[in-house]
Amino acid sequence: MSVAFVKEESAETAAETQLPDRPISPHPNLVTEAGLKALEAELLAARETYALANAVEDVNERRRQTAGPLRDIRYLTERIRTAELMPAPASTDRVSFGSTVTFSREDGRVQTYRIVGEDEADPKTGTISYVSPVARLLNGKSVGDVVSFGTDELEVLAIG
């Protein structure tokens, strides 16, 4: 039979729709309660997107549309499986996972970030990963402590 009559594309083209897995961090998967809920919501959304894409009749288009959601489902399933739910900080005496810390820089800027898990970190919205350089430097520090960050110094102003 001529290839012209076969609906499926070549194996090479089909392989292009199999996306590589998203990288999994080597660090412990610490999460806040909100972070775990966000992962679960993302997984549900990925499953819904996959179900919609799986209904596409054209086999090649179905492969293309399901590739992203399948990769996300694999990633999110693993992240939820390995999640270590961390309790809210018991104290505001020292910076720890889940703390909101306000610090000043030498240039006068004052910044506030909440220290969270890797998947929920978004500096633009005021959260940073617990494995980020700033969070690692501030972990365990108290109000008034000063740490060196490259050529800059950060002073802890408040912990919430």
C-alpha atoms as a PDB file:
ATOM      1  CA  MET A   1       0.000   0.000   0.000  1.00  0.00           C
ATOM      2  CA  SER A   2       1.266   3.447  -0.843  1.00  0.00           C
ATOM      3  CA  VAL A   3       2.206   5.749   2.017  1.00  0.00           C
ATOM      4  CA  ALA A   4      -0.165   8.279   0.470  1.00  0.00           C
ATOM      5  CA  PHE A   5      -3.109   6.195   1.689  1.00  0.00           C
ATOM      6  CA  VAL A   6      -1.857   5.823   5.258  1.00  0.00           C
ATOM      7  CA  LYS A   7      -3.273   8.391   7.637  1.00  0.00           C
ATOM      8  CA  GLU A   8      -0.418   8.205  10.149  1.00  0.00           C
ATOM      9  CA  GLU A   9       2.755  10.173   9.579  1.00  0.00           C
ATOM     10  CA  SER A  10       6.181   8.583   9.648  1.00  0.00           C
ATOM     11  CA  ALA A  11       7.639   7.147  12.831  1.00  0.00           C
ATOM     12  CA  GLU A  12      10.132  10.010  12.826  1.00  0.00           C
ATOM     13  CA  THR A  13       7.329  12.575  12.893  1.00  0.00           C
ATOM     14  CA  ALA A  14       5.464  10.598  15.555  1.00  0.00           C
ATOM     15  CA  ALA A  15       8.586  10.582  17.739  1.00  0.00           C
ATOM     16  CA  GLU A  16       8.645  14.372  17.585  1.00  0.00           C
ATOM     17  CA  THR A  17       5.395  14.433  19.556  1.00  0.00           C
ATOM     18  CA  GLN A  18       6.916  12.538  22.475  1.00  0.00           C
ATOM     19  CA  LEU A  19       8.310  15.303  24.630  1.00  0.00           C
ATOM     20  CA  PRO A  20      11.166  14.669  27.064  1.00  0.00           C
ATOM     21  CA  ASP A  21      10.238  14.567  30.720  1.00  0.00           C
ATOM     22  CA  ARG A  22      10.410  17.769  32.721  1.00  0.00           C
ATOM     23  CA  PRO A  23      13.493  17.664  34.968  1.00  0.00           C
ATOM     24  CA  ILE A  24      12.922  16.637  38.577  1.00  0.00           C
ATOM     25  CA  SER A  25      14.944  18.503  41.187  1.00  0.00           C
ATOM     26  CA  PRO A  26      17.428  16.476  43.241  1.00  0.00           C
ATOM     27  CA  HIS A  27      16.380  18.408  46.384  1.00  0.00           C
ATOM     28  CA  PRO A  28      13.722  17.136  48.803  1.00  0.00           C
ATOM     29  CA  ASN A  29      10.276  18.120  47.515  1.00  0.00           C
ATOM     30  CA  LEU A  30       9.193  20.309  50.434  1.00  0.00           C
ATOM     31  CA  VAL A  31       5.786  21.947  49.946  1.00  0.00           C
ATOM     32  CA  THR A  32       3.423  24.210  51.822  1.00  0.00           C
ATOM     33  CA  GLU A  33      -0.236  23.247  52.089  1.00  0.00           C
ATOM     34  CA  ALA A  34      -1.055  25.794  49.368  1.00  0.00           C
ATOM     35  CA  GLY A  35       1.754  24.420  47.209  1.00  0.00           C
ATOM     36  CA  LEU A  36       0.427  20.864  47.450  1.00  0.00           C
ATOM     37  CA  LYS A  37      -3.072  22.046  46.562  1.00  0.00           C
ATOM     38  CA  ALA A  38      -1.651  23.935  43.573  1.00  0.00           C
ATOM     39  CA  LEU A  39       0.141  20.798  42.340  1.00  0.00           C
ATOM     40  CA  GLU A  40      -3.082  18.808  42.670  1.00  0.00           C
ATOM     41  CA  ALA A  41      -5.026  21.488  40.760  1.00  0.00           C
ATOM     42  CA  GLU A  42      -2.384  21.538  38.011  1.00  0.00           C
ATOM     43  CA  LEU A  43      -2.597  17.746  37.734  1.00  0.00           C
ATOM     44  CA  LEU A  44      -6.381  17.894  37.418  1.00  0.00           C
ATOM     45  CA  ALA A  45      -6.087  20.580  34.714  1.00  0.00           C
ATOM     46  CA  ALA A  46      -3.483  18.526  32.819  1.00  0.00           C
ATOM     47  CA  ARG A  47      -5.745  15.462  32.943  1.00  0.00           C
ATOM     48  CA  GLU A  48      -8.677  17.513  31.632  1.00  0.00           C
ATOM     49  CA  THR A  49      -6.537  18.943  28.823  1.00  0.00           C
ATOM     50  CA  TYR A  50      -5.340  15.430  27.960  1.00  0.00           C
ATOM     51  CA  ALA A  51      -8.906  14.108  27.849  1.00  0.00           C
ATOM     52  CA  LEU A  52      -9.963  16.901  25.499  1.00  0.00           C
ATOM     53  CA  ALA A  53      -6.945  16.380  23.262  1.00  0.00           C
ATOM     54  CA  ASN A  54      -7.483  12.620  23.240  1.00  0.00           C
ATOM     55  CA  ALA A  55     -10.899  13.163  21.650  1.00  0.00           C
ATOM     56  CA  VAL A  56      -9.347  14.658  18.492  1.00  0.00           C
ATOM     57  CA  GLU A  57     -10.062  12.339  15.565  1.00  0.00           C
ATOM     58  CA  ASP A  58      -6.913  12.892  13.506  1.00  0.00           C
ATOM     59  CA  VAL A  59      -4.279  10.600  14.995  1.00  0.00           C
ATOM     60  CA  ASN A  60      -1.361  12.903  14.219  1.00  0.00           C
ATOM     61  CA  GLU A  61      -3.070  15.968  15.635  1.00  0.00           C
ATOM     62  CA  ARG A  62      -4.091  13.930  18.705  1.00  0.00           C
ATOM     63  CA  ARG A  63      -0.433  12.991  19.258  1.00  0.00           C
ATOM     64  CA  ARG A  64       0.611  16.622  19.036  1.00  0.00           C
ATOM     65  CA  GLN A  65      -2.094  17.845  21.392  1.00  0.00           C
ATOM     66  CA  THR A  66      -1.630  15.107  24.015  1.00  0.00           C
ATOM     67  CA  ALA A  67       2.184  15.332  24.191  1.00  0.00           C
ATOM     68  CA  GLY A  68       2.313  18.350  26.521  1.00  0.00           C
ATOM     69  CA  PRO A  69      -0.421  17.225  28.930  1.00  0.00           C
ATOM     70  CA  LEU A  70       1.076  13.707  29.130  1.00  0.00           C
ATOM     71  CA  ARG A  71       4.466  15.134  30.044  1.00  0.00           C
ATOM     72  CA  ASP A  72       2.850  17.395  32.671  1.00  0.00           C
ATOM     73  CA  ILE A  73       0.851  14.481  34.107  1.00  0.00           C
ATOM     74  CA  ARG A  74       4.046  12.431  34.541  1.00  0.00           C
ATOM     75  CA  TYR A  75       5.841  15.342  36.195  1.00  0.00           C
ATOM     76  CA  LEU A  76       2.996  16.403  38.495  1.00  0.00           C
ATOM     77  CA  THR A  77       2.220  12.825  39.536  1.00  0.00           C
ATOM     78  CA  GLU A  78       5.834  12.376  40.609  1.00  0.00           C
ATOM     79  CA  ARG A  79       5.959  15.729  42.415  1.00  0.00           C
ATOM     80  CA  ILE A  80       2.784  14.936  44.343  1.00  0.00           C
ATOM     81  CA  ARG A  81       4.048  11.424  45.148  1.00  0.00           C
ATOM     82  CA  THR A  82       7.297  12.799  46.585  1.00  0.00           C
ATOM     83  CA  ALA A  83       5.836  15.898  48.259  1.00  0.00           C
ATOM     84  CA  GLU A  84       6.782  16.429  51.896  1.00  0.00           C
ATOM     85  CA  LEU A  85       4.116  18.643  53.437  1.00  0.00           C
ATOM     86  CA  MET A  86       5.789  21.071  55.806  1.00  0.00           C
ATOM     87  CA  PRO A  87       3.914  22.585  58.726  1.00  0.00           C
ATOM     88  CA  ALA A  88       3.555  26.344  58.976  1.00  0.00           C
ATOM     89  CA  PRO A  89       6.432  27.903  60.953  1.00  0.00           C
ATOM     90  CA  ALA A  90       5.850  27.528  64.677  1.00  0.00           C
ATOM     91  CA  SER A  91       7.658  30.759  65.447  1.00  0.00           C
ATOM     92  CA  THR A  92       8.623  34.054  63.885  1.00  0.00           C
ATOM     93  CA  ASP A  93      11.902  34.217  65.832  1.00  0.00           C
ATOM     94  CA  ARG A  94      13.961  32.673  63.027  1.00  0.00           C
ATOM     95  CA  VAL A  95      13.605  32.417  59.248  1.00  0.00           C
ATOM     96  CA  SER A  96      12.474  28.941  58.166  1.00  0.00           C
ATOM     97  CA  PHE A  97      10.542  27.174  55.433  1.00  0.00           C
ATOM     98  CA  GLY A  98       7.184  28.919  55.083  1.00  0.00           C
ATOM     99  CA  SER A  99       8.369  32.160  56.691  1.00  0.00           C
ATOM    100  CA  THR A 100       7.790  35.534  55.122  1.00  0.00           C
ATOM    101  CA  VAL A 101      10.977  37.507  55.521  1.00  0.00           C
ATOM    102  CA  THR A 102      11.596  41.189  54.895  1.00  0.00           C
ATOM    103  CA  PHE A 103      15.184  42.281  54.366  1.00  0.00           C
ATOM    104  CA  SER A 104      17.034  45.358  53.220  1.00  0.00           C
ATOM    105  CA  ARG A 105      19.900  45.627  50.794  1.00  0.00           C
ATOM    106  CA  GLU A 106      22.828  48.032  50.978  1.00  0.00           C
ATOM    107  CA  ASP A 107      21.370  50.112  48.139  1.00  0.00           C
ATOM    108  CA  GLY A 108      18.281  50.840  50.256  1.00  0.00           C
ATOM    109  CA  ARG A 109      15.885  48.413  48.568  1.00  0.00           C
ATOM    110  CA  VAL A 110      13.572  46.544  50.923  1.00  0.00           C
ATOM    111  CA  GLN A 111      12.240  43.194  49.731  1.00  0.00           C
ATOM    112  CA  THR A 112       9.760  40.726  51.173  1.00  0.00           C
ATOM    113  CA  TYR A 113       9.542  37.080  50.159  1.00  0.00           C
ATOM    114  CA  ARG A 114       7.865  33.957  51.463  1.00  0.00           C
ATOM    115  CA  ILE A 115      10.110  30.884  51.421  1.00  0.00           C
ATOM    116  CA  VAL A 116       8.300  27.986  49.744  1.00  0.00           C
ATOM    117  CA  GLY A 117       8.841  24.798  47.721  1.00  0.00           C
ATOM    118  CA  GLU A 118      10.457  24.798  44.303  1.00  0.00           C
ATOM    119  CA  ASP A 119       7.259  24.294  42.303  1.00  0.00           C
ATOM    120  CA  GLU A 120       5.396  27.138  43.993  1.00  0.00           C
ATOM    121  CA  ALA A 121       8.232  29.678  43.912  1.00  0.00           C
ATOM    122  CA  ASP A 122       7.625  32.786  41.826  1.00  0.00           C
ATOM    123  CA  PRO A 123       9.711  35.823  42.789  1.00  0.00           C
ATOM    124  CA  LYS A 124       7.393  38.120  40.808  1.00  0.00           C
ATOM    125  CA  THR A 125       4.578  37.238  43.221  1.00  0.00           C
ATOM    126  CA  GLY A 126       6.724  37.345  46.365  1.00  0.00           C
ATOM    127  CA  THR A 127       7.759  33.706  46.825  1.00  0.00           C
ATOM    128  CA  ILE A 128      11.208  32.148  46.521  1.00  0.00           C
ATOM    129  CA  SER A 129      12.343  28.550  46.664  1.00  0.00           C
ATOM    130  CA  TYR A 130      13.903  27.276  49.860  1.00  0.00           C
ATOM    131  CA  VAL A 131      16.917  26.163  47.784  1.00  0.00           C
ATOM    132  CA  SER A 132      17.496  29.614  46.262  1.00  0.00           C
ATOM    133  CA  PRO A 133      20.743  31.305  47.323  1.00  0.00           C
ATOM    134  CA  VAL A 134      18.942  34.103  49.223  1.00  0.00           C
ATOM    135  CA  ALA A 135      16.643  31.698  51.088  1.00  0.00           C
ATOM    136  CA  ARG A 136      19.540  29.443  52.047  1.00  0.00           C
ATOM    137  CA  LEU A 137      21.492  32.434  53.407  1.00  0.00           C
ATOM    138  CA  LEU A 138      18.527  33.737  55.400  1.00  0.00           C
ATOM    139  CA  ASN A 139      17.432  30.359  56.801  1.00  0.00           C
ATOM    140  CA  GLY A 140      17.907  30.284  60.566  1.00  0.00           C
ATOM    141  CA  LYS A 141      18.578  34.020  60.835  1.00  0.00           C
ATOM    142  CA  SER A 142      16.784  36.419  63.209  1.00  0.00           C
ATOM    143  CA  VAL A 143      15.691  40.038  62.950  1.00  0.00           C
ATOM    144  CA  GLY A 144      18.789  42.238  62.873  1.00  0.00           C
ATOM    145  CA  ASP A 145      21.083  39.549  61.443  1.00  0.00           C
ATOM    146  CA  VAL A 146      23.189  40.560  58.446  1.00  0.00           C
ATOM    147  CA  VAL A 147      24.383  38.120  55.786  1.00  0.00           C
ATOM    148  CA  SER A 148      26.731  38.598  52.839  1.00  0.00           C
ATOM    149  CA  PHE A 149      25.279  37.922  49.416  1.00  0.00           C
ATOM    150  CA  GLY A 150      28.039  38.297  46.866  1.00  0.00           C
ATOM    151  CA  THR A 151      29.191  41.902  47.228  1.00  0.00           C
ATOM    152  CA  ASP A 152      25.892  42.898  48.867  1.00  0.00           C
ATOM    153  CA  GLU A 153      24.752  42.630  52.470  1.00  0.00           C
ATOM    154  CA  LEU A 154      21.208  41.734  53.460  1.00  0.00           C
ATOM    155  CA  GLU A 155      19.767  42.655  56.847  1.00  0.00           C
ATOM    156  CA  VAL A 156      16.727  40.829  58.181  1.00  0.00           C
ATOM    157  CA  LEU A 157      14.099  43.429  59.121  1.00  0.00           C
ATOM    158  CA  ALA A 158      11.044  41.291  59.882  1.00  0.00           C
ATOM    159  CA  ILE A 159       9.892  37.665  59.955  1.00  0.00           C
ATOM    160  CA  GLY A 160       6.266  36.696  59.569  1.00  0.00           C
END
